[in-house]
Amino acid sequence: MTLGLLRLIIFDVDGTLVDSQADILASMAAGFAAGDVPVPERAAILSIVGMSLEKAIPVLAPDASAATHAVIVDGYKSAYQRLRAEKGAASSPFYPGVRDTLEHLFNVPEYLVGVATGKSRRGLTALLDSHGLTGRFVTEQVADFHPSKPHPAMIHAALSETGVEPENAVMVGDTTFDMDMARAAGIGTIGVSWGYHSPDKLNADVTLTQMTDLPAALKTIWRD
């Protein structure tokens, strides 16, 4: 690797860094109950993780009205915030190896580390605070200010904020939305096998079976 050449590693959050599946499913159940709409199957719910809620709910409830969609979204948010307040970091625990891998990457001078998530600004701030990661990521892209994944706006913003060229950036994620977003922005793709979409659907440049393999994978991608 050329000394001093900055590289950007962008992480998805839910299903990649943290396992928020239980709270997502419980919050969806609460939201759909508030809208008096049958709760979708687990597989259907997990298939939309990564999208913004405003885009995801119409996918899950295509026959419901826009007003009902709004009720479901509000119900979901209220339930999720309540669970997070009750459980703290336990609401979304790190997957094995995530904290150690992040600490390693934070300490590599050439690496800039960011996140791009379907979470709201409020949700991401609360999550990072609960895990002691406030201020550790150099760029934080959230659903409040961008079109939903797989639109590449989050990646474009992260590249602009850091000054890194697309060929020197990668996206690490668990869903097809992450991979499609990255490809649309012209950056590398690293999939993870432990998230919410089947890894064989990701078509990533590299697919990890454990987070601790990421540093070696990055060296493989950036061979210069």
C-alpha atoms as a PDB file:
ATOM      1  CA  MET A   1       0.000   0.000   0.000  1.00  0.00           C
ATOM      2  CA  THR A   2       1.308   3.461  -0.882  1.00  0.00           C
ATOM      3  CA  LEU A   3       2.127   5.284   2.337  1.00  0.00           C
ATOM      4  CA  GLY A   4      -0.177   8.206   2.921  1.00  0.00           C
ATOM      5  CA  LEU A   5      -2.823   7.245   0.349  1.00  0.00           C
ATOM      6  CA  LEU A   6      -6.139   7.522   2.150  1.00  0.00           C
ATOM      7  CA  ARG A   7      -8.627   4.675   1.872  1.00  0.00           C
ATOM      8  CA  LEU A   8     -12.256   4.862   2.933  1.00  0.00           C
ATOM      9  CA  ILE A   9     -14.086   1.912   4.512  1.00  0.00           C
ATOM     10  CA  ILE A  10     -17.840   2.475   4.773  1.00  0.00           C
ATOM     11  CA  PHE A  11     -19.891   0.162   6.956  1.00  0.00           C
ATOM     12  CA  ASP A  12     -23.559  -0.602   6.931  1.00  0.00           C
ATOM     13  CA  VAL A  13     -24.860  -0.866  10.502  1.00  0.00           C
ATOM     14  CA  ASP A  14     -27.831  -3.215  11.053  1.00  0.00           C
ATOM     15  CA  GLY A  15     -26.902  -6.752  10.059  1.00  0.00           C
ATOM     16  CA  THR A  16     -23.254  -5.833   9.530  1.00  0.00           C
ATOM     17  CA  LEU A  17     -21.899  -4.245  12.708  1.00  0.00           C
ATOM     18  CA  VAL A  18     -24.791  -4.951  15.076  1.00  0.00           C
ATOM     19  CA  ASP A  19     -27.514  -7.569  15.358  1.00  0.00           C
ATOM     20  CA  SER A  20     -30.700  -5.563  15.757  1.00  0.00           C
ATOM     21  CA  GLN A  21     -32.940  -8.288  14.335  1.00  0.00           C
ATOM     22  CA  ALA A  22     -34.974  -8.924  17.498  1.00  0.00           C
ATOM     23  CA  ASP A  23     -35.837  -5.275  18.008  1.00  0.00           C
ATOM     24  CA  ILE A  24     -36.568  -4.715  14.314  1.00  0.00           C
ATOM     25  CA  LEU A  25     -39.039  -7.604  14.293  1.00  0.00           C
ATOM     26  CA  ALA A  26     -40.676  -6.518  17.555  1.00  0.00           C
ATOM     27  CA  SER A  27     -40.937  -2.910  16.389  1.00  0.00           C
ATOM     28  CA  MET A  28     -42.421  -3.952  13.057  1.00  0.00           C
ATOM     29  CA  ALA A  29     -45.032  -5.983  14.925  1.00  0.00           C
ATOM     30  CA  ALA A  30     -45.898  -2.924  17.012  1.00  0.00           C
ATOM     31  CA  GLY A  31     -46.022  -0.644  13.984  1.00  0.00           C
ATOM     32  CA  PHE A  32     -48.273  -2.926  11.966  1.00  0.00           C
ATOM     33  CA  ALA A  33     -50.530  -3.429  14.978  1.00  0.00           C
ATOM     34  CA  ALA A  34     -50.850   0.357  15.259  1.00  0.00           C
ATOM     35  CA  GLY A  35     -51.877   0.481  11.609  1.00  0.00           C
ATOM     36  CA  ASP A  36     -54.280  -2.458  12.029  1.00  0.00           C
ATOM     37  CA  VAL A  37     -52.467  -4.311   9.245  1.00  0.00           C
ATOM     38  CA  PRO A  38     -51.352  -7.979   9.438  1.00  0.00           C
ATOM     39  CA  VAL A  39     -47.699  -8.308  10.411  1.00  0.00           C
ATOM     40  CA  PRO A  40     -45.535  -9.549   7.510  1.00  0.00           C
ATOM     41  CA  GLU A  41     -43.547 -12.752   7.749  1.00  0.00           C
ATOM     42  CA  ARG A  42     -40.093 -12.582   9.319  1.00  0.00           C
ATOM     43  CA  ALA A  43     -38.344 -13.215   5.996  1.00  0.00           C
ATOM     44  CA  ALA A  44     -40.222 -10.358   4.351  1.00  0.00           C
ATOM     45  CA  ILE A  45     -39.282  -7.959   7.136  1.00  0.00           C
ATOM     46  CA  LEU A  46     -35.616  -8.899   7.038  1.00  0.00           C
ATOM     47  CA  SER A  47     -35.583  -8.534   3.266  1.00  0.00           C
ATOM     48  CA  ILE A  48     -36.175  -4.773   3.537  1.00  0.00           C
ATOM     49  CA  VAL A  49     -33.649  -4.056   6.313  1.00  0.00           C
ATOM     50  CA  GLY A  50     -31.336  -1.357   4.989  1.00  0.00           C
ATOM     51  CA  MET A  51     -34.023   0.623   3.214  1.00  0.00           C
ATOM     52  CA  SER A  52     -35.433   3.757   4.805  1.00  0.00           C
ATOM     53  CA  LEU A  53     -38.685   3.113   6.661  1.00  0.00           C
ATOM     54  CA  GLU A  54     -40.603   5.399   4.328  1.00  0.00           C
ATOM     55  CA  LYS A  55     -39.600   3.185   1.398  1.00  0.00           C
ATOM     56  CA  ALA A  56     -39.737  -0.140   3.222  1.00  0.00           C
ATOM     57  CA  ILE A  57     -43.236   0.023   4.699  1.00  0.00           C
ATOM     58  CA  PRO A  58     -45.023   0.418   1.329  1.00  0.00           C
ATOM     59  CA  VAL A  59     -43.112  -2.648   0.125  1.00  0.00           C
ATOM     60  CA  LEU A  60     -44.365  -4.644   3.105  1.00  0.00           C
ATOM     61  CA  ALA A  61     -47.918  -3.265   2.967  1.00  0.00           C
ATOM     62  CA  PRO A  62     -48.577  -2.423  -0.695  1.00  0.00           C
ATOM     63  CA  ASP A  63     -52.365  -2.365  -0.307  1.00  0.00           C
ATOM     64  CA  ALA A  64     -52.428   0.012   2.657  1.00  0.00           C
ATOM     65  CA  SER A  65     -52.993   3.737   2.237  1.00  0.00           C
ATOM     66  CA  ALA A  66     -50.306   6.387   2.580  1.00  0.00           C
ATOM     67  CA  ALA A  67     -51.914   7.464   5.852  1.00  0.00           C
ATOM     68  CA  THR A  68     -51.690   3.915   7.182  1.00  0.00           C
ATOM     69  CA  HIS A  69     -48.074   3.684   6.072  1.00  0.00           C
ATOM     70  CA  ALA A  70     -47.357   6.809   8.129  1.00  0.00           C
ATOM     71  CA  VAL A  71     -49.046   5.272  11.188  1.00  0.00           C
ATOM     72  CA  ILE A  72     -46.947   2.111  10.818  1.00  0.00           C
ATOM     73  CA  VAL A  73     -43.743   4.134  10.494  1.00  0.00           C
ATOM     74  CA  ASP A  74     -44.548   6.171  13.605  1.00  0.00           C
ATOM     75  CA  GLY A  75     -45.494   3.034  15.523  1.00  0.00           C
ATOM     76  CA  TYR A  76     -42.253   1.359  14.524  1.00  0.00           C
ATOM     77  CA  LYS A  77     -40.150   4.340  15.572  1.00  0.00           C
ATOM     78  CA  SER A  78     -41.874   4.646  18.944  1.00  0.00           C
ATOM     79  CA  ALA A  79     -41.443   0.944  19.685  1.00  0.00           C
ATOM     80  CA  TYR A  80     -37.811   0.905  18.591  1.00  0.00           C
ATOM     81  CA  GLN A  81     -36.939   3.942  20.696  1.00  0.00           C
ATOM     82  CA  ARG A  82     -38.649   2.382  23.709  1.00  0.00           C
ATOM     83  CA  LEU A  83     -36.740  -0.885  23.322  1.00  0.00           C
ATOM     84  CA  ARG A  84     -33.461   0.951  22.906  1.00  0.00           C
ATOM     85  CA  ALA A  85     -34.116   3.026  26.031  1.00  0.00           C
ATOM     86  CA  GLU A  86     -34.937  -0.111  28.017  1.00  0.00           C
ATOM     87  CA  LYS A  87     -32.055  -2.277  26.808  1.00  0.00           C
ATOM     88  CA  GLY A  88     -29.242   0.137  25.904  1.00  0.00           C
ATOM     89  CA  ALA A  89     -26.374  -1.479  23.987  1.00  0.00           C
ATOM     90  CA  ALA A  90     -28.024  -4.871  24.466  1.00  0.00           C
ATOM     91  CA  SER A  91     -30.706  -3.672  22.052  1.00  0.00           C
ATOM     92  CA  SER A  92     -28.226  -4.007  19.172  1.00  0.00           C
ATOM     93  CA  PRO A  93     -25.181  -6.064  20.236  1.00  0.00           C
ATOM     94  CA  PHE A  94     -22.032  -6.197  18.146  1.00  0.00           C
ATOM     95  CA  TYR A  95     -21.473  -9.279  16.050  1.00  0.00           C
ATOM     96  CA  PRO A  96     -18.385 -11.295  17.073  1.00  0.00           C
ATOM     97  CA  GLY A  97     -15.115  -9.592  16.213  1.00  0.00           C
ATOM     98  CA  VAL A  98     -16.647  -6.245  15.288  1.00  0.00           C
ATOM     99  CA  ARG A  99     -15.277  -4.106  18.112  1.00  0.00           C
ATOM    100  CA  ASP A 100     -11.730  -5.444  17.803  1.00  0.00           C
ATOM    101  CA  THR A 101     -11.797  -5.047  14.023  1.00  0.00           C
ATOM    102  CA  LEU A 102     -13.065  -1.487  14.247  1.00  0.00           C
ATOM    103  CA  GLU A 103     -10.375  -0.581  16.773  1.00  0.00           C
ATOM    104  CA  HIS A 104      -7.751  -2.039  14.436  1.00  0.00           C
ATOM    105  CA  LEU A 105      -9.044  -0.029  11.474  1.00  0.00           C
ATOM    106  CA  PHE A 106      -9.306   3.183  13.502  1.00  0.00           C
ATOM    107  CA  ASN A 107      -5.591   2.865  14.255  1.00  0.00           C
ATOM    108  CA  VAL A 108      -4.393   2.410  10.661  1.00  0.00           C
ATOM    109  CA  PRO A 109      -3.246   5.913   9.569  1.00  0.00           C
ATOM    110  CA  GLU A 110      -4.231   5.400   5.926  1.00  0.00           C
ATOM    111  CA  TYR A 111      -7.761   4.253   6.742  1.00  0.00           C
ATOM    112  CA  LEU A 112     -10.792   6.469   7.150  1.00  0.00           C
ATOM    113  CA  VAL A 113     -13.802   4.657   8.586  1.00  0.00           C
ATOM    114  CA  GLY A 114     -17.419   5.676   8.071  1.00  0.00           C
ATOM    115  CA  VAL A 115     -20.977   4.397   8.139  1.00  0.00           C
ATOM    116  CA  ALA A 116     -23.896   4.566   5.709  1.00  0.00           C
ATOM    117  CA  THR A 117     -27.151   3.393   7.237  1.00  0.00           C
ATOM    118  CA  GLY A 118     -30.890   3.343   6.796  1.00  0.00           C
ATOM    119  CA  LYS A 119     -31.142   4.499  10.407  1.00  0.00           C
ATOM    120  CA  SER A 120     -32.210   8.023  11.289  1.00  0.00           C
ATOM    121  CA  ARG A 121     -29.710  10.523  12.676  1.00  0.00           C
ATOM    122  CA  ARG A 122     -31.299  10.098  16.084  1.00  0.00           C
ATOM    123  CA  GLY A 123     -31.136   6.314  15.874  1.00  0.00           C
ATOM    124  CA  LEU A 124     -27.500   6.206  14.806  1.00  0.00           C
ATOM    125  CA  THR A 125     -26.460   8.724  17.454  1.00  0.00           C
ATOM    126  CA  ALA A 126     -28.122   6.650  20.178  1.00  0.00           C
ATOM    127  CA  LEU A 127     -26.531   3.437  18.907  1.00  0.00           C
ATOM    128  CA  LEU A 128     -23.026   4.880  18.706  1.00  0.00           C
ATOM    129  CA  ASP A 129     -23.374   6.423  22.152  1.00  0.00           C
ATOM    130  CA  SER A 130     -24.507   3.114  23.657  1.00  0.00           C
ATOM    131  CA  HIS A 131     -21.418   1.380  22.262  1.00  0.00           C
ATOM    132  CA  GLY A 132     -18.950   4.156  23.098  1.00  0.00           C
ATOM    133  CA  LEU A 133     -18.306   4.997  19.442  1.00  0.00           C
ATOM    134  CA  THR A 134     -19.413   8.621  19.353  1.00  0.00           C
ATOM    135  CA  GLY A 135     -17.008  10.634  17.210  1.00  0.00           C
ATOM    136  CA  ARG A 136     -15.035   7.628  15.986  1.00  0.00           C
ATOM    137  CA  PHE A 137     -16.357   7.567  12.405  1.00  0.00           C
ATOM    138  CA  VAL A 138     -15.142  10.288  10.063  1.00  0.00           C
ATOM    139  CA  THR A 139     -18.317  10.272   7.979  1.00  0.00           C
ATOM    140  CA  GLU A 140     -21.819   9.245   9.040  1.00  0.00           C
ATOM    141  CA  GLN A 141     -24.510   9.036   6.373  1.00  0.00           C
ATOM    142  CA  VAL A 142     -28.101   8.510   7.544  1.00  0.00           C
ATOM    143  CA  ALA A 143     -31.557   8.165   6.029  1.00  0.00           C
ATOM    144  CA  ASP A 144     -32.739  11.638   7.080  1.00  0.00           C
ATOM    145  CA  PHE A 145     -30.697  13.379   4.409  1.00  0.00           C
ATOM    146  CA  HIS A 146     -30.526  10.947   1.490  1.00  0.00           C
ATOM    147  CA  PRO A 147     -32.717   8.838  -0.766  1.00  0.00           C
ATOM    148  CA  SER A 148     -33.063   5.252   0.433  1.00  0.00           C
ATOM    149  CA  LYS A 149     -30.466   2.663  -0.458  1.00  0.00           C
ATOM    150  CA  PRO A 150     -29.616   1.511  -3.108  1.00  0.00           C
ATOM    151  CA  HIS A 151     -29.450   5.115  -4.370  1.00  0.00           C
ATOM    152  CA  PRO A 152     -25.731   6.050  -4.258  1.00  0.00           C
ATOM    153  CA  ALA A 153     -26.222   9.446  -2.587  1.00  0.00           C
ATOM    154  CA  MET A 154     -24.829   8.269   0.763  1.00  0.00           C
ATOM    155  CA  ILE A 155     -21.631   7.033  -0.876  1.00  0.00           C
ATOM    156  CA  HIS A 156     -21.241  10.177  -2.946  1.00  0.00           C
ATOM    157  CA  ALA A 157     -21.578  12.273   0.209  1.00  0.00           C
ATOM    158  CA  ALA A 158     -19.037  10.152   2.093  1.00  0.00           C
ATOM    159  CA  LEU A 159     -16.535  10.440  -0.760  1.00  0.00           C
ATOM    160  CA  SER A 160     -17.076  14.188  -0.955  1.00  0.00           C
ATOM    161  CA  GLU A 161     -16.650  14.669   2.794  1.00  0.00           C
ATOM    162  CA  THR A 162     -13.416  12.679   2.927  1.00  0.00           C
ATOM    163  CA  GLY A 163     -11.892  13.588  -0.437  1.00  0.00           C
ATOM    164  CA  VAL A 164     -11.302   9.922  -1.249  1.00  0.00           C
ATOM    165  CA  GLU A 165     -11.557   8.703  -4.851  1.00  0.00           C
ATOM    166  CA  PRO A 166     -14.042   5.884  -5.597  1.00  0.00           C
ATOM    167  CA  GLU A 167     -11.286   3.401  -6.440  1.00  0.00           C
ATOM    168  CA  ASN A 168      -9.928   3.866  -2.914  1.00  0.00           C
ATOM    169  CA  ALA A 169     -13.202   3.155  -1.125  1.00  0.00           C
ATOM    170  CA  VAL A 170     -15.195   0.053  -0.206  1.00  0.00           C
ATOM    171  CA  MET A 171     -18.618  -0.655   1.222  1.00  0.00           C
ATOM    172  CA  VAL A 172     -19.004  -3.403   3.820  1.00  0.00           C
ATOM    173  CA  GLY A 173     -22.572  -4.636   4.118  1.00  0.00           C
ATOM    174  CA  ASP A 174     -24.991  -7.522   4.415  1.00  0.00           C
ATOM    175  CA  THR A 175     -27.719  -6.644   1.903  1.00  0.00           C
ATOM    176  CA  THR A 176     -28.171  -6.321  -1.824  1.00  0.00           C
ATOM    177  CA  PHE A 177     -29.095  -2.684  -1.170  1.00  0.00           C
ATOM    178  CA  ASP A 178     -25.595  -2.055   0.214  1.00  0.00           C
ATOM    179  CA  MET A 179     -23.885  -3.772  -2.696  1.00  0.00           C
ATOM    180  CA  ASP A 180     -26.039  -2.111  -5.365  1.00  0.00           C
ATOM    181  CA  MET A 181     -25.476   1.292  -3.760  1.00  0.00           C
ATOM    182  CA  ALA A 182     -21.726   0.747  -3.749  1.00  0.00           C
ATOM    183  CA  ARG A 183     -21.613  -0.435  -7.350  1.00  0.00           C
ATOM    184  CA  ALA A 184     -23.705   2.540  -8.463  1.00  0.00           C
ATOM    185  CA  ALA A 185     -21.117   4.823  -6.855  1.00  0.00           C
ATOM    186  CA  GLY A 186     -18.188   2.934  -8.372  1.00  0.00           C
ATOM    187  CA  ILE A 187     -16.614   1.684  -5.149  1.00  0.00           C
ATOM    188  CA  GLY A 188     -15.573  -1.800  -4.030  1.00  0.00           C
ATOM    189  CA  THR A 189     -17.939  -4.229  -2.336  1.00  0.00           C
ATOM    190  CA  ILE A 190     -17.364  -6.499   0.652  1.00  0.00           C
ATOM    191  CA  GLY A 191     -20.279  -8.653   1.735  1.00  0.00           C
ATOM    192  CA  VAL A 192     -20.782 -10.343   5.082  1.00  0.00           C
ATOM    193  CA  SER A 193     -22.372 -13.749   5.559  1.00  0.00           C
ATOM    194  CA  TRP A 194     -23.992 -13.195   8.971  1.00  0.00           C
ATOM    195  CA  GLY A 195     -26.546 -10.523   8.065  1.00  0.00           C
ATOM    196  CA  TYR A 196     -30.102 -10.344   6.795  1.00  0.00           C
ATOM    197  CA  HIS A 197     -29.689 -11.181   3.091  1.00  0.00           C
ATOM    198  CA  SER A 198     -28.308 -14.441   1.743  1.00  0.00           C
ATOM    199  CA  PRO A 199     -24.606 -13.954   0.913  1.00  0.00           C
ATOM    200  CA  ASP A 200     -25.000 -15.697  -2.434  1.00  0.00           C
ATOM    201  CA  LYS A 201     -27.309 -12.864  -3.514  1.00  0.00           C
ATOM    202  CA  LEU A 202     -24.768 -10.123  -2.825  1.00  0.00           C
ATOM    203  CA  ASN A 203     -22.354 -10.673  -5.728  1.00  0.00           C
ATOM    204  CA  ALA A 204     -19.699  -8.874  -3.694  1.00  0.00           C
ATOM    205  CA  ASP A 205     -16.043  -8.574  -4.671  1.00  0.00           C
ATOM    206  CA  VAL A 206     -15.232 -10.375  -1.415  1.00  0.00           C
ATOM    207  CA  THR A 207     -17.537 -12.066   1.106  1.00  0.00           C
ATOM    208  CA  LEU A 208     -16.491 -12.430   4.748  1.00  0.00           C
ATOM    209  CA  THR A 209     -17.502 -15.265   7.034  1.00  0.00           C
ATOM    210  CA  GLN A 210     -16.153 -13.437  10.093  1.00  0.00           C
ATOM    211  CA  MET A 211     -15.424  -9.757  10.684  1.00  0.00           C
ATOM    212  CA  THR A 212     -11.868 -10.392  11.822  1.00  0.00           C
ATOM    213  CA  ASP A 213     -11.014 -11.359   8.224  1.00  0.00           C
ATOM    214  CA  LEU A 214     -11.696  -7.812   7.017  1.00  0.00           C
ATOM    215  CA  PRO A 215      -8.167  -6.359   7.422  1.00  0.00           C
ATOM    216  CA  ALA A 216      -6.710  -9.131   5.260  1.00  0.00           C
ATOM    217  CA  ALA A 217      -9.495  -8.702   2.704  1.00  0.00           C
ATOM    218  CA  LEU A 218      -8.742  -4.992   2.433  1.00  0.00           C
ATOM    219  CA  LYS A 219      -5.084  -5.718   1.727  1.00  0.00           C
ATOM    220  CA  THR A 220      -6.160  -8.122  -1.004  1.00  0.00           C
ATOM    221  CA  ILE A 221      -8.384  -5.499  -2.622  1.00  0.00           C
ATOM    222  CA  TRP A 222      -5.800  -2.728  -2.315  1.00  0.00           C
ATOM    223  CA  ARG A 223      -2.674  -4.543  -3.416  1.00  0.00           C
ATOM    224  CA  ASP A 224      -0.563  -1.529  -4.304  1.00  0.00           C
END
